[in-house]
Amino acid sequence: MIAMAQVTTDECDINLLKPDYESLTEQLGYKPGEIEADKGYGNVSQIHELVETSGTTCYIPMQEPPTKSQDRGNGIKFIYDADNDNFTCPNNEKLSLYSRNFKQDGQIYNIYKCHDCGGCPMKDKCTRSKTGRAIKVNVNHQWIEGYREWIDRKENLEKVKQRKTIVELPFCTIKMMMGKFCFLLRKKYKTQIEVDLYATAYNLKRLINIDNVDNLLSKVNGFNWKIT
């Protein structure tokens, strides 16, 4: 069943996890025990905040920065030393703290830099910088690594797979209802009305599939419709 459908002008979902969670909580009147979402909602700061403050369990795979993916492909891994607050590269050189609290796209990072990349056999694959390799690390990187390990457990990956079988059905059903047309109205609040109508139609269709029609009509007739 669709509990909340929100129209947005955002180009992607990366900043919508917390606002959608708050809207859903207001709509339901209680906090959801679990949240399942795709990588589009993988905002590490918002996941961290929800897990730590709301008690809600998040089953959301995290996006991997392109530079980290490239490093992994080149066999480059940086190991963190919490006691000395630095990283060690595959060539056993240290990347020390260079800058704190660098803000970018709603995230906060610390920057670590190596000042001795000369003669490194992996330099061509690691960096083109003449001043040495620098890495941008989220301030919550230790929590993030722990979360990555947790989400990669077999039982949690099954949850992630299960989500696909549940949430894709409303999308394809609503697209079928819409036929060849896109939204007919313009402006955000008008489009929201269309979405709400489609969501209501979907929920009614789903309800009829779940329960017996005669039983549903009996419940409707016996319901107290008085507005208080």
C-alpha atoms as a PDB file:
ATOM      1  CA  MET A   1       0.000   0.000   0.000  1.00  0.00           C
ATOM      2  CA  ILE A   2       1.182   3.542  -0.721  1.00  0.00           C
ATOM      3  CA  ALA A   3       1.300   5.457   2.560  1.00  0.00           C
ATOM      4  CA  MET A   4       2.846   8.663   1.214  1.00  0.00           C
ATOM      5  CA  ALA A   5       3.571   9.982  -2.280  1.00  0.00           C
ATOM      6  CA  GLN A   6       5.520  13.205  -2.565  1.00  0.00           C
ATOM      7  CA  VAL A   7       6.161  15.233  -5.715  1.00  0.00           C
ATOM      8  CA  THR A   8       9.617  16.799  -5.823  1.00  0.00           C
ATOM      9  CA  THR A   9      11.587  18.986  -8.199  1.00  0.00           C
ATOM     10  CA  ASP A  10      14.889  17.429  -7.091  1.00  0.00           C
ATOM     11  CA  GLU A  11      16.761  15.790  -9.952  1.00  0.00           C
ATOM     12  CA  CYS A  12      17.729  12.798  -7.790  1.00  0.00           C
ATOM     13  CA  ASP A  13      16.853  11.228  -4.421  1.00  0.00           C
ATOM     14  CA  ILE A  14      20.153  11.768  -2.605  1.00  0.00           C
ATOM     15  CA  ASN A  15      18.812  14.517  -0.303  1.00  0.00           C
ATOM     16  CA  LEU A  16      15.279  13.158   0.137  1.00  0.00           C
ATOM     17  CA  LEU A  17      15.729  10.385   2.701  1.00  0.00           C
ATOM     18  CA  LYS A  18      15.236  12.518   5.800  1.00  0.00           C
ATOM     19  CA  PRO A  19      12.421  14.739   4.380  1.00  0.00           C
ATOM     20  CA  ASP A  20      10.528  11.668   3.110  1.00  0.00           C
ATOM     21  CA  TYR A  21      11.041   9.904   6.442  1.00  0.00           C
ATOM     22  CA  GLU A  22       9.641  12.924   8.308  1.00  0.00           C
ATOM     23  CA  SER A  23       6.661  13.218   5.932  1.00  0.00           C
ATOM     24  CA  LEU A  24       5.914   9.509   6.260  1.00  0.00           C
ATOM     25  CA  THR A  25       6.178   9.667  10.055  1.00  0.00           C
ATOM     26  CA  GLU A  26       3.717  12.570  10.117  1.00  0.00           C
ATOM     27  CA  GLN A  27       1.352  10.714   7.768  1.00  0.00           C
ATOM     28  CA  LEU A  28       1.401   7.451   9.753  1.00  0.00           C
ATOM     29  CA  GLY A  29       1.525   8.984  13.203  1.00  0.00           C
ATOM     30  CA  TYR A  30       4.466   6.784  14.270  1.00  0.00           C
ATOM     31  CA  LYS A  31       8.081   6.130  13.312  1.00  0.00           C
ATOM     32  CA  PRO A  32       8.713   3.274  10.859  1.00  0.00           C
ATOM     33  CA  GLY A  33      10.799   0.480  12.339  1.00  0.00           C
ATOM     34  CA  GLU A  34      12.614  -0.162   9.063  1.00  0.00           C
ATOM     35  CA  ILE A  35      13.467   1.785   5.939  1.00  0.00           C
ATOM     36  CA  GLU A  36      14.356   0.015   2.694  1.00  0.00           C
ATOM     37  CA  ALA A  37      15.542   2.119  -0.238  1.00  0.00           C
ATOM     38  CA  ASP A  38      17.841   1.960  -3.237  1.00  0.00           C
ATOM     39  CA  LYS A  39      21.265   3.572  -3.658  1.00  0.00           C
ATOM     40  CA  GLY A  40      19.639   6.782  -4.826  1.00  0.00           C
ATOM     41  CA  TYR A  41      18.777   7.474  -1.174  1.00  0.00           C
ATOM     42  CA  GLY A  42      22.274   6.537   0.023  1.00  0.00           C
ATOM     43  CA  ASN A  43      23.023   9.863   1.723  1.00  0.00           C
ATOM     44  CA  VAL A  44      25.523   8.800   4.396  1.00  0.00           C
ATOM     45  CA  SER A  45      24.877  11.781   6.669  1.00  0.00           C
ATOM     46  CA  GLN A  46      21.111  11.278   6.641  1.00  0.00           C
ATOM     47  CA  ILE A  47      21.398   7.508   7.113  1.00  0.00           C
ATOM     48  CA  HIS A  48      23.752   8.070  10.042  1.00  0.00           C
ATOM     49  CA  GLU A  49      21.394  10.616  11.616  1.00  0.00           C
ATOM     50  CA  LEU A  50      18.310   8.398  11.279  1.00  0.00           C
ATOM     51  CA  VAL A  51      20.036   5.287  12.612  1.00  0.00           C
ATOM     52  CA  GLU A  52      21.575   7.103  15.557  1.00  0.00           C
ATOM     53  CA  THR A  53      18.646   9.307  16.587  1.00  0.00           C
ATOM     54  CA  SER A  54      15.396   7.628  15.501  1.00  0.00           C
ATOM     55  CA  GLY A  55      16.042   3.964  16.254  1.00  0.00           C
ATOM     56  CA  THR A  56      14.958   3.107  12.707  1.00  0.00           C
ATOM     57  CA  THR A  57      16.917   0.390  10.893  1.00  0.00           C
ATOM     58  CA  CYS A  58      18.009   1.452   7.394  1.00  0.00           C
ATOM     59  CA  TYR A  59      18.530  -1.120   4.655  1.00  0.00           C
ATOM     60  CA  ILE A  60      20.010   1.261   2.104  1.00  0.00           C
ATOM     61  CA  PRO A  61      23.060   0.407  -0.028  1.00  0.00           C
ATOM     62  CA  MET A  62      25.559   3.258  -0.125  1.00  0.00           C
ATOM     63  CA  GLN A  63      26.891   4.943  -3.219  1.00  0.00           C
ATOM     64  CA  GLU A  64      30.608   4.597  -3.835  1.00  0.00           C
ATOM     65  CA  PRO A  65      32.554   7.698  -4.931  1.00  0.00           C
ATOM     66  CA  PRO A  66      34.075   7.321  -8.429  1.00  0.00           C
ATOM     67  CA  THR A  67      37.580   7.896  -7.060  1.00  0.00           C
ATOM     68  CA  LYS A  68      37.191   5.030  -4.575  1.00  0.00           C
ATOM     69  CA  SER A  69      35.933   2.723  -7.294  1.00  0.00           C
ATOM     70  CA  GLN A  70      38.878   3.705  -9.488  1.00  0.00           C
ATOM     71  CA  ASP A  71      41.344   3.128  -6.630  1.00  0.00           C
ATOM     72  CA  ARG A  72      39.898  -0.316  -5.979  1.00  0.00           C
ATOM     73  CA  GLY A  73      40.231  -1.205  -9.652  1.00  0.00           C
ATOM     74  CA  ASN A  74      43.889  -0.153  -9.538  1.00  0.00           C
ATOM     75  CA  GLY A  75      44.573  -2.125  -6.352  1.00  0.00           C
ATOM     76  CA  ILE A  76      44.974   1.011  -4.243  1.00  0.00           C
ATOM     77  CA  LYS A  77      43.673   0.969  -0.668  1.00  0.00           C
ATOM     78  CA  PHE A  78      44.268   3.411   2.154  1.00  0.00           C
ATOM     79  CA  ILE A  79      44.365   2.013   5.691  1.00  0.00           C
ATOM     80  CA  TYR A  80      43.304   4.283   8.545  1.00  0.00           C
ATOM     81  CA  ASP A  81      45.237   4.567  11.801  1.00  0.00           C
ATOM     82  CA  ALA A  82      42.814   5.941  14.400  1.00  0.00           C
ATOM     83  CA  ASP A  83      45.509   6.485  17.050  1.00  0.00           C
ATOM     84  CA  ASN A  84      47.565   8.789  14.822  1.00  0.00           C
ATOM     85  CA  ASP A  85      44.690  10.022  12.638  1.00  0.00           C
ATOM     86  CA  ASN A  86      46.373   9.264   9.341  1.00  0.00           C
ATOM     87  CA  PHE A  87      46.161   6.880   6.408  1.00  0.00           C
ATOM     88  CA  THR A  88      48.785   4.568   4.943  1.00  0.00           C
ATOM     89  CA  CYS A  89      48.932   3.969   1.190  1.00  0.00           C
ATOM     90  CA  PRO A  90      50.034   0.718  -0.559  1.00  0.00           C
ATOM     91  CA  ASN A  91      53.547   2.173  -0.849  1.00  0.00           C
ATOM     92  CA  ASN A  92      53.625   2.519   2.956  1.00  0.00           C
ATOM     93  CA  GLU A  93      53.598   6.337   2.832  1.00  0.00           C
ATOM     94  CA  LYS A  94      51.504   8.356   5.294  1.00  0.00           C
ATOM     95  CA  LEU A  95      48.665  10.677   4.386  1.00  0.00           C
ATOM     96  CA  SER A  96      48.353  13.171   7.233  1.00  0.00           C
ATOM     97  CA  LEU A  97      45.476  15.510   8.051  1.00  0.00           C
ATOM     98  CA  TYR A  98      45.647  18.487   5.697  1.00  0.00           C
ATOM     99  CA  SER A  99      42.287  20.237   6.140  1.00  0.00           C
ATOM    100  CA  ARG A 100      39.241  19.833   8.408  1.00  0.00           C
ATOM    101  CA  ASN A 101      35.495  20.226   7.867  1.00  0.00           C
ATOM    102  CA  PHE A 102      35.492  20.729   4.118  1.00  0.00           C
ATOM    103  CA  LYS A 103      31.828  21.035   3.045  1.00  0.00           C
ATOM    104  CA  GLN A 104      30.584  19.689  -0.265  1.00  0.00           C
ATOM    105  CA  ASP A 105      27.078  18.669  -1.413  1.00  0.00           C
ATOM    106  CA  GLY A 106      25.726  18.686   2.137  1.00  0.00           C
ATOM    107  CA  GLN A 107      28.526  16.442   3.420  1.00  0.00           C
ATOM    108  CA  ILE A 108      31.471  17.299   5.684  1.00  0.00           C
ATOM    109  CA  TYR A 109      34.924  15.915   4.928  1.00  0.00           C
ATOM    110  CA  ASN A 110      38.457  15.962   6.249  1.00  0.00           C
ATOM    111  CA  ILE A 111      41.251  16.001   3.685  1.00  0.00           C
ATOM    112  CA  TYR A 112      44.376  13.867   4.114  1.00  0.00           C
ATOM    113  CA  LYS A 113      47.450  14.417   1.965  1.00  0.00           C
ATOM    114  CA  CYS A 114      50.712  12.649   1.156  1.00  0.00           C
ATOM    115  CA  HIS A 115      53.683  14.958   0.604  1.00  0.00           C
ATOM    116  CA  ASP A 116      56.104  12.319  -0.632  1.00  0.00           C
ATOM    117  CA  CYS A 117      54.791  10.642  -3.773  1.00  0.00           C
ATOM    118  CA  GLY A 118      58.025  11.015  -5.728  1.00  0.00           C
ATOM    119  CA  GLY A 119      59.390   7.720  -6.980  1.00  0.00           C
ATOM    120  CA  CYS A 120      56.245   5.788  -6.045  1.00  0.00           C
ATOM    121  CA  PRO A 121      55.771   2.865  -8.485  1.00  0.00           C
ATOM    122  CA  MET A 122      51.984   3.309  -8.321  1.00  0.00           C
ATOM    123  CA  LYS A 123      51.911   7.082  -8.829  1.00  0.00           C
ATOM    124  CA  ASP A 124      50.630   6.939 -12.427  1.00  0.00           C
ATOM    125  CA  LYS A 125      47.594   4.968 -11.254  1.00  0.00           C
ATOM    126  CA  CYS A 126      47.154   6.893  -8.008  1.00  0.00           C
ATOM    127  CA  THR A 127      47.466  10.618  -8.779  1.00  0.00           C
ATOM    128  CA  ARG A 128      48.446  13.213 -11.348  1.00  0.00           C
ATOM    129  CA  SER A 129      49.037  15.869  -8.714  1.00  0.00           C
ATOM    130  CA  LYS A 130      52.548  17.295  -8.559  1.00  0.00           C
ATOM    131  CA  THR A 131      52.152  17.982  -4.832  1.00  0.00           C
ATOM    132  CA  GLY A 132      51.092  14.447  -3.814  1.00  0.00           C
ATOM    133  CA  ARG A 133      47.946  12.380  -3.428  1.00  0.00           C
ATOM    134  CA  ALA A 134      45.069  13.761  -1.372  1.00  0.00           C
ATOM    135  CA  ILE A 135      41.936  11.898  -0.270  1.00  0.00           C
ATOM    136  CA  LYS A 136      38.644  13.373   0.900  1.00  0.00           C
ATOM    137  CA  VAL A 137      37.198  11.421   3.818  1.00  0.00           C
ATOM    138  CA  ASN A 138      33.768  11.832   5.375  1.00  0.00           C
ATOM    139  CA  VAL A 139      34.024  12.871   9.029  1.00  0.00           C
ATOM    140  CA  ASN A 140      31.887   9.840   9.901  1.00  0.00           C
ATOM    141  CA  HIS A 141      34.043   7.469   7.845  1.00  0.00           C
ATOM    142  CA  GLN A 142      34.561   4.949  10.658  1.00  0.00           C
ATOM    143  CA  TRP A 143      30.804   4.645  11.206  1.00  0.00           C
ATOM    144  CA  ILE A 144      30.314   4.450   7.429  1.00  0.00           C
ATOM    145  CA  GLU A 145      32.753   1.551   7.070  1.00  0.00           C
ATOM    146  CA  GLY A 146      30.966  -0.279   9.871  1.00  0.00           C
ATOM    147  CA  TYR A 147      27.635   0.304   8.144  1.00  0.00           C
ATOM    148  CA  ARG A 148      29.034  -0.935   4.819  1.00  0.00           C
ATOM    149  CA  GLU A 149      30.146  -4.166   6.473  1.00  0.00           C
ATOM    150  CA  TRP A 150      26.734  -4.517   8.127  1.00  0.00           C
ATOM    151  CA  ILE A 151      24.713  -3.918   4.948  1.00  0.00           C
ATOM    152  CA  ASP A 152      26.865  -6.463   3.078  1.00  0.00           C
ATOM    153  CA  ARG A 153      25.806  -9.292   5.392  1.00  0.00           C
ATOM    154  CA  LYS A 154      23.851 -12.015   3.612  1.00  0.00           C
ATOM    155  CA  GLU A 155      20.603 -11.467   5.507  1.00  0.00           C
ATOM    156  CA  ASN A 156      20.714  -7.707   4.901  1.00  0.00           C
ATOM    157  CA  LEU A 157      21.444  -8.124   1.188  1.00  0.00           C
ATOM    158  CA  GLU A 158      18.337 -10.313   1.043  1.00  0.00           C
ATOM    159  CA  LYS A 159      16.354  -7.393   2.477  1.00  0.00           C
ATOM    160  CA  VAL A 160      17.773  -5.161  -0.238  1.00  0.00           C
ATOM    161  CA  LYS A 161      16.727  -7.679  -2.920  1.00  0.00           C
ATOM    162  CA  GLN A 162      13.280  -8.069  -1.353  1.00  0.00           C
ATOM    163  CA  ARG A 163      12.644  -4.330  -1.661  1.00  0.00           C
ATOM    164  CA  LYS A 164      12.830  -4.554  -5.446  1.00  0.00           C
ATOM    165  CA  THR A 165      10.021  -7.110  -5.570  1.00  0.00           C
ATOM    166  CA  ILE A 166       7.776  -4.871  -3.443  1.00  0.00           C
ATOM    167  CA  VAL A 167       8.220  -1.281  -4.578  1.00  0.00           C
ATOM    168  CA  GLU A 168       8.496  -1.795  -8.334  1.00  0.00           C
ATOM    169  CA  LEU A 169       4.892  -3.080  -8.514  1.00  0.00           C
ATOM    170  CA  PRO A 170       3.266   0.292  -7.693  1.00  0.00           C
ATOM    171  CA  PHE A 171       5.415   2.009 -10.331  1.00  0.00           C
ATOM    172  CA  CYS A 172       4.489  -0.348 -13.161  1.00  0.00           C
ATOM    173  CA  THR A 173       0.813  -0.425 -12.094  1.00  0.00           C
ATOM    174  CA  ILE A 174       0.546   3.379 -12.016  1.00  0.00           C
ATOM    175  CA  LYS A 175       2.329   3.654 -15.376  1.00  0.00           C
ATOM    176  CA  MET A 176      -0.227   1.201 -16.761  1.00  0.00           C
ATOM    177  CA  MET A 177      -3.043   3.382 -15.354  1.00  0.00           C
ATOM    178  CA  MET A 178      -1.523   6.491 -16.943  1.00  0.00           C
ATOM    179  CA  GLY A 179      -1.226   4.811 -20.324  1.00  0.00           C
ATOM    180  CA  LYS A 180       0.753   6.808 -22.866  1.00  0.00           C
ATOM    181  CA  PHE A 181       0.194  10.096 -21.039  1.00  0.00           C
ATOM    182  CA  CYS A 182       2.551  11.916 -18.723  1.00  0.00           C
ATOM    183  CA  PHE A 183       1.162  14.238 -16.063  1.00  0.00           C
ATOM    184  CA  LEU A 184      -1.574  16.428 -17.511  1.00  0.00           C
ATOM    185  CA  LEU A 185      -1.324  19.316 -15.053  1.00  0.00           C
ATOM    186  CA  ARG A 186       1.464  21.808 -14.481  1.00  0.00           C
ATOM    187  CA  LYS A 187       2.979  23.284 -11.336  1.00  0.00           C
ATOM    188  CA  LYS A 188       4.016  21.233  -8.361  1.00  0.00           C
ATOM    189  CA  TYR A 189       0.812  21.353  -6.285  1.00  0.00           C
ATOM    190  CA  LYS A 190      -1.352  20.404  -9.281  1.00  0.00           C
ATOM    191  CA  THR A 191       0.930  17.512 -10.154  1.00  0.00           C
ATOM    192  CA  GLN A 192       0.690  16.421  -6.517  1.00  0.00           C
ATOM    193  CA  ILE A 193      -3.086  16.174  -6.930  1.00  0.00           C
ATOM    194  CA  GLU A 194      -2.618  13.852  -9.910  1.00  0.00           C
ATOM    195  CA  VAL A 195      -0.138  11.712  -7.985  1.00  0.00           C
ATOM    196  CA  ASP A 196      -2.520  11.487  -5.024  1.00  0.00           C
ATOM    197  CA  LEU A 197      -5.343  10.355  -7.315  1.00  0.00           C
ATOM    198  CA  TYR A 198      -3.151   7.661  -8.872  1.00  0.00           C
ATOM    199  CA  ALA A 199      -1.945   6.551  -5.438  1.00  0.00           C
ATOM    200  CA  THR A 200      -5.537   6.341  -4.166  1.00  0.00           C
ATOM    201  CA  ALA A 201      -6.604   4.345  -7.232  1.00  0.00           C
ATOM    202  CA  TYR A 202      -3.665   1.985  -6.730  1.00  0.00           C
ATOM    203  CA  ASN A 203      -4.488   1.505  -3.049  1.00  0.00           C
ATOM    204  CA  LEU A 204      -8.133   0.730  -3.847  1.00  0.00           C
ATOM    205  CA  LYS A 205      -7.058  -1.760  -6.505  1.00  0.00           C
ATOM    206  CA  ARG A 206      -4.620  -3.334  -4.072  1.00  0.00           C
ATOM    207  CA  LEU A 207      -7.209  -3.438  -1.264  1.00  0.00           C
ATOM    208  CA  ILE A 208      -9.726  -5.236  -3.479  1.00  0.00           C
ATOM    209  CA  ASN A 209      -7.065  -7.815  -4.337  1.00  0.00           C
ATOM    210  CA  ILE A 210      -6.281  -8.357  -0.648  1.00  0.00           C
ATOM    211  CA  ASP A 211      -9.814  -8.507   0.779  1.00  0.00           C
ATOM    212  CA  ASN A 212     -13.247  -9.674  -0.319  1.00  0.00           C
ATOM    213  CA  VAL A 213     -15.347  -6.911  -1.945  1.00  0.00           C
ATOM    214  CA  ASP A 214     -18.490  -7.776   0.019  1.00  0.00           C
ATOM    215  CA  ASN A 215     -16.468  -7.663   3.231  1.00  0.00           C
ATOM    216  CA  LEU A 216     -14.998  -4.274   2.264  1.00  0.00           C
ATOM    217  CA  LEU A 217     -18.440  -2.831   1.480  1.00  0.00           C
ATOM    218  CA  SER A 218     -19.696  -4.093   4.824  1.00  0.00           C
ATOM    219  CA  LYS A 219     -16.836  -2.296   6.583  1.00  0.00           C
ATOM    220  CA  VAL A 220     -17.541   0.903   4.639  1.00  0.00           C
ATOM    221  CA  ASN A 221     -21.252   0.813   5.556  1.00  0.00           C
ATOM    222  CA  GLY A 222     -20.429   0.202   9.206  1.00  0.00           C
ATOM    223  CA  PHE A 223     -17.745   2.878   9.460  1.00  0.00           C
ATOM    224  CA  ASN A 224     -18.394   6.083  11.400  1.00  0.00           C
ATOM    225  CA  TRP A 225     -17.852   8.755   8.752  1.00  0.00           C
ATOM    226  CA  LYS A 226     -18.688  11.656  11.050  1.00  0.00           C
ATOM    227  CA  ILE A 227     -16.059  14.378  10.862  1.00  0.00           C
ATOM    228  CA  THR A 228     -14.771  15.390  14.287  1.00  0.00           C
END
